[in-house]
Amino acid sequence: MGGYMLAFGHCISCGAFFSFNPERVPSIRANDAGQPDPAGRREPVCRDCWNRRQAYRRQQGLPEETLLPGAYEPEPEQSEANE
């Protein structure tokens, strides 16, 4: 019997509650105070904040970052037989 994996959490940037694929969602590392920290936990970024970041990068003449396919979609669960 198969299923889907989907996580729910708050966007580290705007605080919105949203669903995402934890293996593919864009994220930043942040400390417990929510400040960027390379040694911190990965914290998810919602689609709206992702899109705003890419718009800012375009305006600044910077290349857009790659969004992994399915970042905001459920991930089919792997069965033991498929591993």
Protein backbone atom coordinates (compact mmCIF):
# COMPACT_ATOMS: atom_id res chain seq x y z
CA MET A 1 0.00 0.00 0.00
CA GLY A 2 1.51 3.32 -1.06
CA GLY A 3 1.08 6.80 0.23
CA TYR A 4 2.45 10.29 -0.06
CA MET A 5 4.86 12.28 2.05
CA LEU A 6 3.99 15.92 2.72
CA ALA A 7 5.23 18.25 5.44
CA PHE A 8 3.61 21.32 6.94
CA GLY A 9 5.46 24.21 8.49
CA HIS A 10 5.91 27.95 8.76
CA CYS A 11 7.92 29.94 6.22
CA ILE A 12 11.14 31.24 7.79
CA SER A 13 10.69 34.52 5.91
CA CYS A 14 7.02 35.52 6.29
CA GLY A 15 5.69 33.00 8.83
CA ALA A 16 2.93 31.66 6.54
CA PHE A 17 1.81 28.08 7.26
CA PHE A 18 2.14 25.95 4.11
CA SER A 19 2.65 22.40 2.81
CA PHE A 20 5.79 21.25 1.05
CA ASN A 21 7.97 18.33 0.05
CA PRO A 22 10.68 18.29 2.76
CA GLU A 23 13.22 16.78 0.36
CA ARG A 24 12.79 19.49 -2.30
CA VAL A 25 11.52 22.72 -0.72
CA PRO A 26 13.91 25.67 -0.81
CA SER A 27 15.24 26.44 2.64
CA ILE A 28 17.75 28.45 4.59
CA ARG A 29 19.67 27.48 7.70
CA ALA A 30 18.59 29.45 10.74
CA ASN A 31 19.24 29.42 14.47
CA ASP A 32 16.54 29.19 17.15
CA ALA A 33 15.98 32.96 16.96
CA GLY A 34 15.18 32.67 13.23
CA GLN A 35 18.38 34.40 12.14
CA PRO A 36 20.44 33.01 9.23
CA ASP A 37 23.09 30.68 10.60
CA PRO A 38 25.15 28.21 8.53
CA ALA A 39 25.16 25.85 11.54
CA GLY A 40 21.38 26.15 12.08
CA ARG A 41 18.47 23.92 11.08
CA ARG A 42 17.05 23.94 7.57
CA GLU A 43 13.89 26.07 7.58
CA PRO A 44 11.43 26.06 4.64
CA VAL A 45 10.65 29.03 2.38
CA CYS A 46 7.09 29.36 0.98
CA ARG A 47 6.36 29.77 -2.73
CA ASP A 48 5.41 33.47 -2.40
CA CYS A 49 8.69 34.33 -0.67
CA TRP A 50 10.58 32.21 -3.21
CA ASN A 51 8.94 34.11 -6.07
CA ARG A 52 9.71 37.48 -4.42
CA ARG A 53 13.35 36.47 -4.03
CA GLN A 54 13.61 35.51 -7.69
CA ALA A 55 11.98 38.82 -8.76
CA TYR A 56 14.53 40.69 -6.62
CA ARG A 57 17.39 38.72 -8.18
CA ARG A 58 16.12 39.55 -11.69
CA GLN A 59 15.89 43.25 -10.79
CA GLN A 60 19.46 43.17 -9.49
CA GLY A 61 20.74 41.43 -12.63
CA LEU A 62 21.50 38.24 -10.70
CA PRO A 63 20.76 34.77 -12.07
CA GLU A 64 17.61 33.11 -10.80
CA GLU A 65 18.02 30.13 -8.50
CA THR A 66 16.71 26.72 -9.46
CA LEU A 67 13.52 25.48 -7.84
CA LEU A 68 13.44 21.71 -7.67
CA PRO A 69 10.40 20.15 -9.38
CA GLY A 70 7.74 19.13 -6.87
CA ALA A 71 9.03 21.41 -4.09
CA TYR A 72 5.48 22.26 -3.05
CA GLU A 73 3.83 18.95 -4.05
CA PRO A 74 3.40 15.64 -2.15
CA GLU A 75 6.14 13.09 -2.71
CA PRO A 76 5.06 9.51 -3.45
CA GLU A 77 6.14 7.29 -0.59
CA GLN A 78 8.80 4.73 -1.50
CA SER A 79 7.75 1.16 -0.76
CA GLU A 80 10.33 -1.24 0.61
CA ALA A 81 10.03 -3.27 -2.59
CA ASN A 82 11.16 -0.28 -4.66
CA GLU A 83 14.27 0.46 -2.58
